[in-house]
Amino acid sequence: MKPTNKKLTKFEKQVLKCIPSGRKHPITSNKLAIINNTTKRNITYTIQKLRIKGVLIGSSRLKDKSGYYRIQTMIEFFEVVGMLNSERNTLSKTISAMMNTFNSGTTLSGQQDLFEFDED
């Protein structure tokens, strides 16, 4: 598979070197964070940036095989694309539901009233 033409930062290259090829031996974000002396949150952000730059990084959520890996096959590629599409669809539904509630003017129990301001 053709590598990205976009420049990677030193840290992105460092993280990428730690990610194994193929889904059989993924590495967890926790291990990546320890190896790279950073936080899991920073690893997640870095993986996102690498993917946006076109680097083919897959992820697995299986109990004993969770983590990140470099995509090596078309099957791995389409599994990851399917997972990402599913996540996008779920987020889209969540956003739509929240926007509908907001636009209806309904206040939520226990929340500050966003629709009326009492200026007494």
PDB file of N, CA and C in Angstrom:
ATOM      1  N   MET A   1       0.839  -1.177   0.000  1.00  0.00           N
ATOM      2  CA  MET A   1       0.000   0.000   0.000  1.00  0.00           C
ATOM      3  C   MET A   1       0.884   1.240   0.000  1.00  0.00           C
ATOM      4  N   LYS A   2       0.477   2.203  -0.773  1.00  0.00           N
ATOM      5  CA  LYS A   2       1.272   3.413  -0.951  1.00  0.00           C
ATOM      6  C   LYS A   2       1.292   4.256   0.328  1.00  0.00           C
ATOM      7  N   PRO A   3       2.485   4.645   0.789  1.00  0.00           N
ATOM      8  CA  PRO A   3       2.566   5.477   1.995  1.00  0.00           C
ATOM      9  C   PRO A   3       2.115   6.906   1.712  1.00  0.00           C
ATOM     10  N   THR A   4       1.835   7.625   2.776  1.00  0.00           N
ATOM     11  CA  THR A   4       1.406   9.010   2.652  1.00  0.00           C
ATOM     12  C   THR A   4       2.542   9.895   2.172  1.00  0.00           C
ATOM     13  N   ASN A   5       2.192  10.957   1.466  1.00  0.00           N
ATOM     14  CA  ASN A   5       3.184  11.942   1.032  1.00  0.00           C
ATOM     15  C   ASN A   5       3.289  13.098   2.023  1.00  0.00           C
ATOM     16  N   LYS A   6       2.385  13.137   2.987  1.00  0.00           N
ATOM     17  CA  LYS A   6       2.386  14.237   3.943  1.00  0.00           C
ATOM     18  C   LYS A   6       3.486  14.031   4.969  1.00  0.00           C
ATOM     19  N   LYS A   7       4.107  15.142   5.365  1.00  0.00           N
ATOM     20  CA  LYS A   7       5.210  15.070   6.334  1.00  0.00           C
ATOM     21  C   LYS A   7       4.706  14.680   7.712  1.00  0.00           C
ATOM     22  N   LEU A   8       5.450  13.784   8.314  1.00  0.00           N
ATOM     23  CA  LEU A   8       5.148  13.379   9.677  1.00  0.00           C
ATOM     24  C   LEU A   8       6.095  14.093  10.621  1.00  0.00           C
ATOM     25  N   THR A   9       5.577  14.433  11.800  1.00  0.00           N
ATOM     26  CA  THR A   9       6.427  15.041  12.814  1.00  0.00           C
ATOM     27  C   THR A   9       7.354  13.968  13.384  1.00  0.00           C
ATOM     28  N   LYS A  10       8.355  14.414  14.106  1.00  0.00           N
ATOM     29  CA  LYS A  10       9.292  13.485  14.742  1.00  0.00           C
ATOM     30  C   LYS A  10       8.544  12.531  15.677  1.00  0.00           C
ATOM     31  N   PHE A  11       7.612  13.071  16.451  1.00  0.00           N
ATOM     32  CA  PHE A  11       6.862  12.249  17.396  1.00  0.00           C
ATOM     33  C   PHE A  11       5.956  11.266  16.661  1.00  0.00           C
ATOM     34  N   GLU A  12       5.312  11.705  15.581  1.00  0.00           N
ATOM     35  CA  GLU A  12       4.462  10.806  14.806  1.00  0.00           C
ATOM     36  C   GLU A  12       5.280   9.640  14.249  1.00  0.00           C
ATOM     37  N   LYS A  13       6.472   9.938  13.748  1.00  0.00           N
ATOM     38  CA  LYS A  13       7.357   8.880  13.239  1.00  0.00           C
ATOM     39  C   LYS A  13       7.740   7.918  14.357  1.00  0.00           C
ATOM     40  N   GLN A  14       8.014   8.471  15.530  1.00  0.00           N
ATOM     41  CA  GLN A  14       8.405   7.670  16.690  1.00  0.00           C
ATOM     42  C   GLN A  14       7.281   6.710  17.081  1.00  0.00           C
ATOM     43  N   VAL A  15       6.051   7.228  17.134  1.00  0.00           N
ATOM     44  CA  VAL A  15       4.901   6.389  17.487  1.00  0.00           C
ATOM     45  C   VAL A  15       4.673   5.332  16.409  1.00  0.00           C
ATOM     46  N   LEU A  16       4.731   5.746  15.151  1.00  0.00           N
ATOM     47  CA  LEU A  16       4.488   4.830  14.041  1.00  0.00           C
ATOM     48  C   LEU A  16       5.462   3.652  14.044  1.00  0.00           C
ATOM     49  N   LYS A  17       6.710   3.901  14.406  1.00  0.00           N
ATOM     50  CA  LYS A  17       7.710   2.827  14.464  1.00  0.00           C
ATOM     51  C   LYS A  17       7.339   1.758  15.494  1.00  0.00           C
ATOM     52  N   CYS A  18       6.556   2.127  16.488  1.00  0.00           N
ATOM     53  CA  CYS A  18       6.181   1.197  17.559  1.00  0.00           C
ATOM     54  C   CYS A  18       4.944   0.362  17.216  1.00  0.00           C
ATOM     55  N   ILE A  19       4.267   0.697  16.136  1.00  0.00           N
ATOM     56  CA  ILE A  19       3.021   0.012  15.783  1.00  0.00           C
ATOM     57  C   ILE A  19       3.333  -1.175  14.874  1.00  0.00           C
ATOM     58  N   PRO A  20       2.955  -2.378  15.299  1.00  0.00           N
ATOM     59  CA  PRO A  20       3.256  -3.574  14.510  1.00  0.00           C
ATOM     60  C   PRO A  20       2.396  -3.673  13.251  1.00  0.00           C
ATOM     61  N   SER A  21       2.872  -4.447  12.297  1.00  0.00           N
ATOM     62  CA  SER A  21       2.137  -4.688  11.058  1.00  0.00           C
ATOM     63  C   SER A  21       1.148  -5.828  11.242  1.00  0.00           C
ATOM     64  N   GLY A  22      -0.057  -5.633  10.749  1.00  0.00           N
ATOM     65  CA  GLY A  22      -1.077  -6.673  10.796  1.00  0.00           C
ATOM     66  C   GLY A  22      -1.813  -6.740  12.116  1.00  0.00           C
ATOM     67  N   ARG A  23      -3.040  -7.212  12.048  1.00  0.00           N
ATOM     68  CA  ARG A  23      -3.918  -7.215  13.227  1.00  0.00           C
ATOM     69  C   ARG A  23      -3.657  -8.346  14.214  1.00  0.00           C
ATOM     70  N   LYS A  24      -2.771  -9.262  13.889  1.00  0.00           N
ATOM     71  CA  LYS A  24      -2.521 -10.397  14.785  1.00  0.00           C
ATOM     72  C   LYS A  24      -1.807 -10.001  16.070  1.00  0.00           C
ATOM     73  N   HIS A  25      -1.045  -8.910  16.030  1.00  0.00           N
ATOM     74  CA  HIS A  25      -0.272  -8.494  17.206  1.00  0.00           C
ATOM     75  C   HIS A  25      -0.401  -6.989  17.442  1.00  0.00           C
ATOM     76  N   PRO A  26      -1.613  -6.507  17.739  1.00  0.00           N
ATOM     77  CA  PRO A  26      -1.775  -5.067  17.960  1.00  0.00           C
ATOM     78  C   PRO A  26      -1.104  -4.621  19.257  1.00  0.00           C
ATOM     79  N   ILE A  27      -0.844  -3.329  19.338  1.00  0.00           N
ATOM     80  CA  ILE A  27      -0.260  -2.756  20.553  1.00  0.00           C
ATOM     81  C   ILE A  27      -1.277  -1.792  21.165  1.00  0.00           C
ATOM     82  N   THR A  28      -1.442  -1.862  22.467  1.00  0.00           N
ATOM     83  CA  THR A  28      -2.432  -1.020  23.138  1.00  0.00           C
ATOM     84  C   THR A  28      -1.951   0.427  23.230  1.00  0.00           C
ATOM     85  N   SER A  29      -2.912   1.317  23.388  1.00  0.00           N
ATOM     86  CA  SER A  29      -2.557   2.733  23.556  1.00  0.00           C
ATOM     87  C   SER A  29      -1.777   2.930  24.849  1.00  0.00           C
ATOM     88  N   ASN A  30      -2.060   2.113  25.859  1.00  0.00           N
ATOM     89  CA  ASN A  30      -1.325   2.206  27.118  1.00  0.00           C
ATOM     90  C   ASN A  30       0.155   1.864  26.916  1.00  0.00           C
ATOM     91  N   LYS A  31       0.433   0.781  26.187  1.00  0.00           N
ATOM     92  CA  LYS A  31       1.828   0.408  25.913  1.00  0.00           C
ATOM     93  C   LYS A  31       2.515   1.463  25.053  1.00  0.00           C
ATOM     94  N   LEU A  32       1.797   1.981  24.051  1.00  0.00           N
ATOM     95  CA  LEU A  32       2.375   3.040  23.213  1.00  0.00           C
ATOM     96  C   LEU A  32       2.710   4.268  24.050  1.00  0.00           C
ATOM     97  N   ALA A  33       1.835   4.597  24.994  1.00  0.00           N
ATOM     98  CA  ALA A  33       2.071   5.760  25.855  1.00  0.00           C
ATOM     99  C   ALA A  33       3.317   5.557  26.718  1.00  0.00           C
ATOM    100  N   ILE A  34       3.455   4.373  27.278  1.00  0.00           N
ATOM    101  CA  ILE A  34       4.621   4.083  28.124  1.00  0.00           C
ATOM    102  C   ILE A  34       5.903   4.129  27.301  1.00  0.00           C
ATOM    103  N   ILE A  35       5.901   3.460  26.156  1.00  0.00           N
ATOM    104  CA  ILE A  35       7.089   3.417  25.297  1.00  0.00           C
ATOM    105  C   ILE A  35       7.514   4.814  24.857  1.00  0.00           C
ATOM    106  N   ASN A  36       6.520   5.666  24.567  1.00  0.00           N
ATOM    107  CA  ASN A  36       6.806   7.001  24.036  1.00  0.00           C
ATOM    108  C   ASN A  36       6.776   8.089  25.102  1.00  0.00           C
ATOM    109  N   ASN A  37       6.693   7.671  26.370  1.00  0.00           N
ATOM    110  CA  ASN A  37       6.740   8.606  27.494  1.00  0.00           C
ATOM    111  C   ASN A  37       5.719   9.737  27.344  1.00  0.00           C
ATOM    112  N   THR A  38       4.459   9.340  27.144  1.00  0.00           N
ATOM    113  CA  THR A  38       3.390  10.315  26.976  1.00  0.00           C
ATOM    114  C   THR A  38       2.107   9.736  27.568  1.00  0.00           C
ATOM    115  N   THR A  39       0.988  10.373  27.298  1.00  0.00           N
ATOM    116  CA  THR A  39      -0.300   9.925  27.819  1.00  0.00           C
ATOM    117  C   THR A  39      -1.073   9.132  26.767  1.00  0.00           C
ATOM    118  N   LYS A  40      -2.039   8.329  27.241  1.00  0.00           N
ATOM    119  CA  LYS A  40      -2.911   7.606  26.316  1.00  0.00           C
ATOM    120  C   LYS A  40      -3.680   8.588  25.436  1.00  0.00           C
ATOM    121  N   ARG A  41      -4.095   9.690  26.023  1.00  0.00           N
ATOM    122  CA  ARG A  41      -4.834  10.704  25.262  1.00  0.00           C
ATOM    123  C   ARG A  41      -3.985  11.242  24.114  1.00  0.00           C
ATOM    124  N   ASN A  42      -2.710  11.481  24.369  1.00  0.00           N
ATOM    125  CA  ASN A  42      -1.821  11.985  23.323  1.00  0.00           C
ATOM    126  C   ASN A  42      -1.604  10.930  22.236  1.00  0.00           C
ATOM    127  N   ILE A  43      -1.551   9.672  22.627  1.00  0.00           N
ATOM    128  CA  ILE A  43      -1.422   8.593  21.637  1.00  0.00           C
ATOM    129  C   ILE A  43      -2.662   8.561  20.746  1.00  0.00           C
ATOM    130  N   THR A  44      -3.841   8.625  21.341  1.00  0.00           N
ATOM    131  CA  THR A  44      -5.085   8.627  20.565  1.00  0.00           C
ATOM    132  C   THR A  44      -5.110   9.792  19.587  1.00  0.00           C
ATOM    133  N   TYR A  45      -4.716  10.962  20.055  1.00  0.00           N
ATOM    134  CA  TYR A  45      -4.657  12.156  19.203  1.00  0.00           C
ATOM    135  C   TYR A  45      -3.643  11.963  18.073  1.00  0.00           C
ATOM    136  N   THR A  46      -2.497  11.399  18.391  1.00  0.00           N
ATOM    137  CA  THR A  46      -1.452  11.176  17.388  1.00  0.00           C
ATOM    138  C   THR A  46      -1.907  10.164  16.340  1.00  0.00           C
ATOM    139  N   ILE A  47      -2.577   9.100  16.772  1.00  0.00           N
ATOM    140  CA  ILE A  47      -3.110   8.108  15.829  1.00  0.00           C
ATOM    141  C   ILE A  47      -4.108   8.783  14.889  1.00  0.00           C
ATOM    142  N   GLN A  48      -4.960   9.633  15.448  1.00  0.00           N
ATOM    143  CA  GLN A  48      -5.939  10.359  14.629  1.00  0.00           C
ATOM    144  C   GLN A  48      -5.226  11.227  13.590  1.00  0.00           C
ATOM    145  N   LYS A  49      -4.192  11.947  14.013  1.00  0.00           N
ATOM    146  CA  LYS A  49      -3.443  12.794  13.080  1.00  0.00           C
ATOM    147  C   LYS A  49      -2.775  11.959  11.995  1.00  0.00           C
ATOM    148  N   LEU A  50      -2.200  10.822  12.373  1.00  0.00           N
ATOM    149  CA  LEU A  50      -1.565   9.943  11.393  1.00  0.00           C
ATOM    150  C   LEU A  50      -2.584   9.442  10.368  1.00  0.00           C
ATOM    151  N   ARG A  51      -3.754   9.038  10.843  1.00  0.00           N
ATOM    152  CA  ARG A  51      -4.800   8.569   9.929  1.00  0.00           C
ATOM    153  C   ARG A  51      -5.235   9.677   8.977  1.00  0.00           C
ATOM    154  N   ILE A  52      -5.380  10.882   9.494  1.00  0.00           N
ATOM    155  CA  ILE A  52      -5.776  12.013   8.650  1.00  0.00           C
ATOM    156  C   ILE A  52      -4.712  12.302   7.601  1.00  0.00           C
ATOM    157  N   LYS A  53      -3.475  12.029   7.934  1.00  0.00           N
ATOM    158  CA  LYS A  53      -2.381  12.217   6.972  1.00  0.00           C
ATOM    159  C   LYS A  53      -2.294  11.054   5.981  1.00  0.00           C
ATOM    160  N   GLY A  54      -3.159  10.081   6.132  1.00  0.00           N
ATOM    161  CA  GLY A  54      -3.210   8.975   5.185  1.00  0.00           C
ATOM    162  C   GLY A  54      -2.491   7.716   5.602  1.00  0.00           C
ATOM    163  N   VAL A  55      -1.962   7.677   6.816  1.00  0.00           N
ATOM    164  CA  VAL A  55      -1.283   6.472   7.292  1.00  0.00           C
ATOM    165  C   VAL A  55      -2.354   5.436   7.644  1.00  0.00           C
ATOM    166  N   LEU A  56      -2.200   4.234   7.123  1.00  0.00           N
ATOM    167  CA  LEU A  56      -3.203   3.187   7.320  1.00  0.00           C
ATOM    168  C   LEU A  56      -2.964   2.457   8.635  1.00  0.00           C
ATOM    169  N   ILE A  57      -3.626   2.949   9.669  1.00  0.00           N
ATOM    170  CA  ILE A  57      -3.531   2.358  11.004  1.00  0.00           C
ATOM    171  C   ILE A  57      -4.894   1.793  11.362  1.00  0.00           C
ATOM    172  N   GLY A  58      -4.901   0.520  11.700  1.00  0.00           N
ATOM    173  CA  GLY A  58      -6.128  -0.130  12.115  1.00  0.00           C
ATOM    174  C   GLY A  58      -6.202  -0.218  13.623  1.00  0.00           C
ATOM    175  N   SER A  59      -7.366  -0.605  14.096  1.00  0.00           N
ATOM    176  CA  SER A  59      -7.523  -0.815  15.534  1.00  0.00           C
ATOM    177  C   SER A  59      -8.452  -1.994  15.758  1.00  0.00           C
ATOM    178  N   SER A  60      -8.182  -2.706  16.823  1.00  0.00           N
ATOM    179  CA  SER A  60      -8.969  -3.871  17.187  1.00  0.00           C
ATOM    180  C   SER A  60      -9.497  -3.673  18.596  1.00  0.00           C
ATOM    181  N   ARG A  61     -10.723  -4.118  18.820  1.00  0.00           N
ATOM    182  CA  ARG A  61     -11.322  -4.008  20.147  1.00  0.00           C
ATOM    183  C   ARG A  61     -11.594  -5.377  20.765  1.00  0.00           C
ATOM    184  N   LEU A  62     -11.015  -6.403  20.183  1.00  0.00           N
ATOM    185  CA  LEU A  62     -11.197  -7.742  20.726  1.00  0.00           C
ATOM    186  C   LEU A  62     -10.551  -7.828  22.108  1.00  0.00           C
ATOM    187  N   LYS A  63     -11.163  -8.598  22.998  1.00  0.00           N
ATOM    188  CA  LYS A  63     -10.716  -8.640  24.391  1.00  0.00           C
ATOM    189  C   LYS A  63      -9.218  -8.907  24.539  1.00  0.00           C
ATOM    190  N   ASP A  64      -8.721  -9.945  23.917  1.00  0.00           N
ATOM    191  CA  ASP A  64      -7.310 -10.304  24.079  1.00  0.00           C
ATOM    192  C   ASP A  64      -6.411  -9.754  22.978  1.00  0.00           C
ATOM    193  N   LYS A  65      -6.979  -9.060  22.025  1.00  0.00           N
ATOM    194  CA  LYS A  65      -6.205  -8.549  20.885  1.00  0.00           C
ATOM    195  C   LYS A  65      -6.559  -7.096  20.593  1.00  0.00           C
ATOM    196  N   SER A  66      -6.765  -6.293  21.622  1.00  0.00           N
ATOM    197  CA  SER A  66      -7.122  -4.898  21.384  1.00  0.00           C
ATOM    198  C   SER A  66      -5.858  -4.068  21.179  1.00  0.00           C
ATOM    199  N   GLY A  67      -5.988  -3.038  20.360  1.00  0.00           N
ATOM    200  CA  GLY A  67      -4.868  -2.145  20.132  1.00  0.00           C
ATOM    201  C   GLY A  67      -4.777  -1.697  18.687  1.00  0.00           C
ATOM    202  N   TYR A  68      -3.657  -1.068  18.374  1.00  0.00           N
ATOM    203  CA  TYR A  68      -3.418  -0.517  17.040  1.00  0.00           C
ATOM    204  C   TYR A  68      -2.444  -1.386  16.261  1.00  0.00           C
ATOM    205  N   TYR A  69      -2.600  -1.357  14.945  1.00  0.00           N
ATOM    206  CA  TYR A  69      -1.697  -2.080  14.057  1.00  0.00           C
ATOM    207  C   TYR A  69      -1.660  -1.376  12.702  1.00  0.00           C
ATOM    208  N   ARG A  70      -0.608  -1.632  11.944  1.00  0.00           N
ATOM    209  CA  ARG A  70      -0.525  -1.107  10.578  1.00  0.00           C
ATOM    210  C   ARG A  70      -1.313  -2.045   9.670  1.00  0.00           C
ATOM    211  N   ILE A  71      -2.216  -1.477   8.921  1.00  0.00           N
ATOM    212  CA  ILE A  71      -3.052  -2.264   8.017  1.00  0.00           C
ATOM    213  C   ILE A  71      -2.180  -2.858   6.915  1.00  0.00           C
ATOM    214  N   GLN A  72      -2.331  -4.178   6.708  1.00  0.00           N
ATOM    215  CA  GLN A  72      -1.527  -4.883   5.709  1.00  0.00           C
ATOM    216  C   GLN A  72      -2.349  -5.500   4.584  1.00  0.00           C
ATOM    217  N   THR A  73      -3.633  -5.755   4.818  1.00  0.00           N
ATOM    218  CA  THR A  73      -4.453  -6.436   3.814  1.00  0.00           C
ATOM    219  C   THR A  73      -5.712  -5.638   3.509  1.00  0.00           C
ATOM    220  N   MET A  74      -6.330  -5.976   2.397  1.00  0.00           N
ATOM    221  CA  MET A  74      -7.598  -5.333   2.034  1.00  0.00           C
ATOM    222  C   MET A  74      -8.683  -5.669   3.055  1.00  0.00           C
ATOM    223  N   ILE A  75      -8.657  -6.882   3.579  1.00  0.00           N
ATOM    224  CA  ILE A  75      -9.645  -7.272   4.586  1.00  0.00           C
ATOM    225  C   ILE A  75      -9.509  -6.383   5.814  1.00  0.00           C
ATOM    226  N   GLU A  76      -8.283  -6.196   6.304  1.00  0.00           N
ATOM    227  CA  GLU A  76      -8.054  -5.314   7.457  1.00  0.00           C
ATOM    228  C   GLU A  76      -8.526  -3.901   7.142  1.00  0.00           C
ATOM    229  N   PHE A  77      -8.206  -3.426   5.938  1.00  0.00           N
ATOM    230  CA  PHE A  77      -8.594  -2.072   5.539  1.00  0.00           C
ATOM    231  C   PHE A  77     -10.111  -1.898   5.604  1.00  0.00           C
ATOM    232  N   PHE A  78     -10.853  -2.810   4.974  1.00  0.00           N
ATOM    233  CA  PHE A  78     -12.304  -2.654   4.925  1.00  0.00           C
ATOM    234  C   PHE A  78     -12.964  -2.896   6.277  1.00  0.00           C
ATOM    235  N   GLU A  79     -12.374  -3.717   7.132  1.00  0.00           N
ATOM    236  CA  GLU A  79     -12.892  -3.872   8.496  1.00  0.00           C
ATOM    237  C   GLU A  79     -12.785  -2.556   9.259  1.00  0.00           C
ATOM    238  N   VAL A  80     -11.646  -1.895   9.139  1.00  0.00           N
ATOM    239  CA  VAL A  80     -11.437  -0.625   9.844  1.00  0.00           C
ATOM    240  C   VAL A  80     -12.350   0.457   9.277  1.00  0.00           C
ATOM    241  N   VAL A  81     -12.461   0.527   7.955  1.00  0.00           N
ATOM    242  CA  VAL A  81     -13.346   1.521   7.339  1.00  0.00           C
ATOM    243  C   VAL A  81     -14.788   1.283   7.787  1.00  0.00           C
ATOM    244  N   GLY A  82     -15.202   0.029   7.854  1.00  0.00           N
ATOM    245  CA  GLY A  82     -16.550  -0.290   8.330  1.00  0.00           C
ATOM    246  C   GLY A  82     -16.763   0.144   9.768  1.00  0.00           C
ATOM    247  N   MET A  83     -15.770  -0.104  10.620  1.00  0.00           N
ATOM    248  CA  MET A  83     -15.861   0.298  12.021  1.00  0.00           C
ATOM    249  C   MET A  83     -15.955   1.824  12.140  1.00  0.00           C
ATOM    250  N   LEU A  84     -15.125   2.537  11.371  1.00  0.00           N
ATOM    251  CA  LEU A  84     -15.139   4.000  11.419  1.00  0.00           C
ATOM    252  C   LEU A  84     -16.457   4.556  10.892  1.00  0.00           C
ATOM    253  N   ASN A  85     -17.008   3.950   9.842  1.00  0.00           N
ATOM    254  CA  ASN A  85     -18.315   4.375   9.332  1.00  0.00           C
ATOM    255  C   ASN A  85     -19.399   4.172  10.376  1.00  0.00           C
ATOM    256  N   SER A  86     -19.350   3.059  11.084  1.00  0.00           N
ATOM    257  CA  SER A  86     -20.321   2.785  12.134  1.00  0.00           C
ATOM    258  C   SER A  86     -20.221   3.824  13.250  1.00  0.00           C
ATOM    259  N   GLU A  87     -18.994   4.155  13.650  1.00  0.00           N
ATOM    260  CA  GLU A  87     -18.791   5.187  14.679  1.00  0.00           C
ATOM    261  C   GLU A  87     -19.337   6.532  14.207  1.00  0.00           C
ATOM    262  N   ARG A  88     -19.064   6.869  12.938  1.00  0.00           N
ATOM    263  CA  ARG A  88     -19.556   8.132  12.387  1.00  0.00           C
ATOM    264  C   ARG A  88     -21.079   8.169  12.405  1.00  0.00           C
ATOM    265  N   ASN A  89     -21.719   7.067  12.010  1.00  0.00           N
ATOM    266  CA  ASN A  89     -23.177   7.022  11.992  1.00  0.00           C
ATOM    267  C   ASN A  89     -23.758   7.171  13.394  1.00  0.00           C
ATOM    268  N   THR A  90     -23.136   6.530  14.371  1.00  0.00           N
ATOM    269  CA  THR A  90     -23.593   6.649  15.757  1.00  0.00           C
ATOM    270  C   THR A  90     -23.445   8.083  16.254  1.00  0.00           C
ATOM    271  N   LEU A  91     -22.309   8.712  15.967  1.00  0.00           N
ATOM    272  CA  LEU A  91     -22.107  10.106  16.372  1.00  0.00           C
ATOM    273  C   LEU A  91     -23.110  11.026  15.690  1.00  0.00           C
ATOM    274  N   SER A  92     -23.397  10.774  14.427  1.00  0.00           N
ATOM    275  CA  SER A  92     -24.353  11.593  13.686  1.00  0.00           C
ATOM    276  C   SER A  92     -25.745  11.503  14.317  1.00  0.00           C
ATOM    277  N   LYS A  93     -26.165  10.295  14.693  1.00  0.00           N
ATOM    278  CA  LYS A  93     -27.460  10.116  15.352  1.00  0.00           C
ATOM    279  C   LYS A  93     -27.491  10.836  16.700  1.00  0.00           C
ATOM    280  N   THR A  94     -26.401  10.747  17.443  1.00  0.00           N
ATOM    281  CA  THR A  94     -26.320  11.407  18.748  1.00  0.00           C
ATOM    282  C   THR A  94     -26.419  12.919  18.597  1.00  0.00           C
ATOM    283  N   ILE A  95     -25.685  13.463  17.645  1.00  0.00           N
ATOM    284  CA  ILE A  95     -25.710  14.912  17.402  1.00  0.00           C
ATOM    285  C   ILE A  95     -27.105  15.350  16.988  1.00  0.00           C
ATOM    286  N   SER A  96     -27.741  14.613  16.094  1.00  0.00           N
ATOM    287  CA  SER A  96     -29.093  14.964  15.642  1.00  0.00           C
ATOM    288  C   SER A  96     -30.077  14.968  16.801  1.00  0.00           C
ATOM    289  N   ALA A  97     -30.020  13.950  17.641  1.00  0.00           N
ATOM    290  CA  ALA A  97     -30.926  13.879  18.786  1.00  0.00           C
ATOM    291  C   ALA A  97     -30.702  15.043  19.739  1.00  0.00           C
ATOM    292  N   MET A  98     -29.444  15.379  19.995  1.00  0.00           N
ATOM    293  CA  MET A  98     -29.139  16.488  20.901  1.00  0.00           C
ATOM    294  C   MET A  98     -29.585  17.821  20.297  1.00  0.00           C
ATOM    295  N   MET A  99     -29.376  17.991  18.999  1.00  0.00           N
ATOM    296  CA  MET A  99     -29.803  19.233  18.340  1.00  0.00           C
ATOM    297  C   MET A  99     -31.324  19.355  18.354  1.00  0.00           C
ATOM    298  N   ASN A 100     -32.031  18.247  18.146  1.00  0.00           N
ATOM    299  CA  ASN A 100     -33.493  18.279  18.190  1.00  0.00           C
ATOM    300  C   ASN A 100     -33.984  18.702  19.566  1.00  0.00           C
ATOM    301  N   THR A 101     -33.370  18.170  20.615  1.00  0.00           N
ATOM    302  CA  THR A 101     -33.744  18.557  21.975  1.00  0.00           C
ATOM    303  C   THR A 101     -33.450  20.031  22.210  1.00  0.00           C
ATOM    304  N   PHE A 102     -32.283  20.473  21.804  1.00  0.00           N
ATOM    305  CA  PHE A 102     -31.899  21.872  21.976  1.00  0.00           C
ATOM    306  C   PHE A 102     -32.851  22.790  21.220  1.00  0.00           C
ATOM    307  N   ASN A 103     -33.137  22.467  19.974  1.00  0.00           N
ATOM    308  CA  ASN A 103     -33.996  23.310  19.138  1.00  0.00           C
ATOM    309  C   ASN A 103     -35.446  23.319  19.590  1.00  0.00           C
ATOM    310  N   SER A 104     -35.871  22.305  20.338  1.00  0.00           N
ATOM    311  CA  SER A 104     -37.250  22.260  20.820  1.00  0.00           C
ATOM    312  C   SER A 104     -37.462  23.193  22.005  1.00  0.00           C
ATOM    313  N   GLY A 105     -36.388  23.667  22.596  1.00  0.00           N
ATOM    314  CA  GLY A 105     -36.493  24.564  23.740  1.00  0.00           C
ATOM    315  C   GLY A 105     -36.740  23.833  25.044  1.00  0.00           C
ATOM    316  N   THR A 106     -36.650  22.534  25.026  1.00  0.00           N
ATOM    317  CA  THR A 106     -36.867  21.726  26.218  1.00  0.00           C
ATOM    318  C   THR A 106     -35.687  21.877  27.170  1.00  0.00           C
ATOM    319  N   THR A 107     -35.995  22.163  28.423  1.00  0.00           N
ATOM    320  CA  THR A 107     -34.918  22.212  29.407  1.00  0.00           C
ATOM    321  C   THR A 107     -34.715  20.817  29.976  1.00  0.00           C
ATOM    322  N   LEU A 108     -33.529  20.564  30.398  1.00  0.00           N
ATOM    323  CA  LEU A 108     -33.200  19.254  30.931  1.00  0.00           C
ATOM    324  C   LEU A 108     -33.178  19.298  32.443  1.00  0.00           C
ATOM    325  N   SER A 109     -33.680  18.271  33.063  1.00  0.00           N
ATOM    326  CA  SER A 109     -33.710  18.179  34.512  1.00  0.00           C
ATOM    327  C   SER A 109     -32.297  18.272  35.069  1.00  0.00           C
ATOM    328  N   GLY A 110     -32.123  19.170  36.023  1.00  0.00           N
ATOM    329  CA  GLY A 110     -30.822  19.309  36.660  1.00  0.00           C
ATOM    330  C   GLY A 110     -29.849  20.182  35.898  1.00  0.00           C
ATOM    331  N   GLN A 111     -30.255  20.710  34.769  1.00  0.00           N
ATOM    332  CA  GLN A 111     -29.380  21.556  33.967  1.00  0.00           C
ATOM    333  C   GLN A 111     -29.811  23.012  34.078  1.00  0.00           C
ATOM    334  N   GLN A 112     -28.856  23.900  33.944  1.00  0.00           N
ATOM    335  CA  GLN A 112     -29.169  25.321  33.916  1.00  0.00           C
ATOM    336  C   GLN A 112     -30.045  25.581  32.701  1.00  0.00           C
ATOM    337  N   ASP A 113     -31.045  26.410  32.868  1.00  0.00           N
ATOM    338  CA  ASP A 113     -31.954  26.726  31.773  1.00  0.00           C
ATOM    339  C   ASP A 113     -31.204  27.513  30.705  1.00  0.00           C
ATOM    340  N   LEU A 114     -31.047  26.932  29.537  1.00  0.00           N
ATOM    341  CA  LEU A 114     -30.330  27.589  28.451  1.00  0.00           C
ATOM    342  C   LEU A 114     -31.223  28.509  27.634  1.00  0.00           C
ATOM    343  N   PHE A 115     -32.535  28.453  27.878  1.00  0.00           N
ATOM    344  CA  PHE A 115     -33.458  29.140  26.992  1.00  0.00           C
ATOM    345  C   PHE A 115     -34.094  30.377  27.608  1.00  0.00           C
ATOM    346  N   GLU A 116     -34.039  30.499  28.903  1.00  0.00           N
ATOM    347  CA  GLU A 116     -34.619  31.660  29.566  1.00  0.00           C
ATOM    348  C   GLU A 116     -33.630  32.178  30.600  1.00  0.00           C
ATOM    349  N   PHE A 117     -33.495  33.467  30.658  1.00  0.00           N
ATOM    350  CA  PHE A 117     -32.599  34.079  31.632  1.00  0.00           C
ATOM    351  C   PHE A 117     -33.405  35.028  32.504  1.00  0.00           C
ATOM    352  N   ASP A 118     -33.352  34.808  33.795  1.00  0.00           N
ATOM    353  CA  ASP A 118     -34.044  35.665  34.747  1.00  0.00           C
ATOM    354  C   ASP A 118     -33.066  36.725  35.210  1.00  0.00           C
ATOM    355  N   GLU A 119     -33.351  37.980  34.904  1.00  0.00           N
ATOM    356  CA  GLU A 119     -32.411  39.055  35.236  1.00  0.00           C
ATOM    357  C   GLU A 119     -32.899  39.893  36.406  1.00  0.00           C
ATOM    358  N   ASP A 120     -33.460  39.278  37.423  1.00  0.00           N
ATOM    359  CA  ASP A 120     -33.909  40.023  38.615  1.00  0.00           C
ATOM    360  C   ASP A 120     -32.765  40.402  39.485  1.00  0.00           C
TER     361      ASP A 120
END
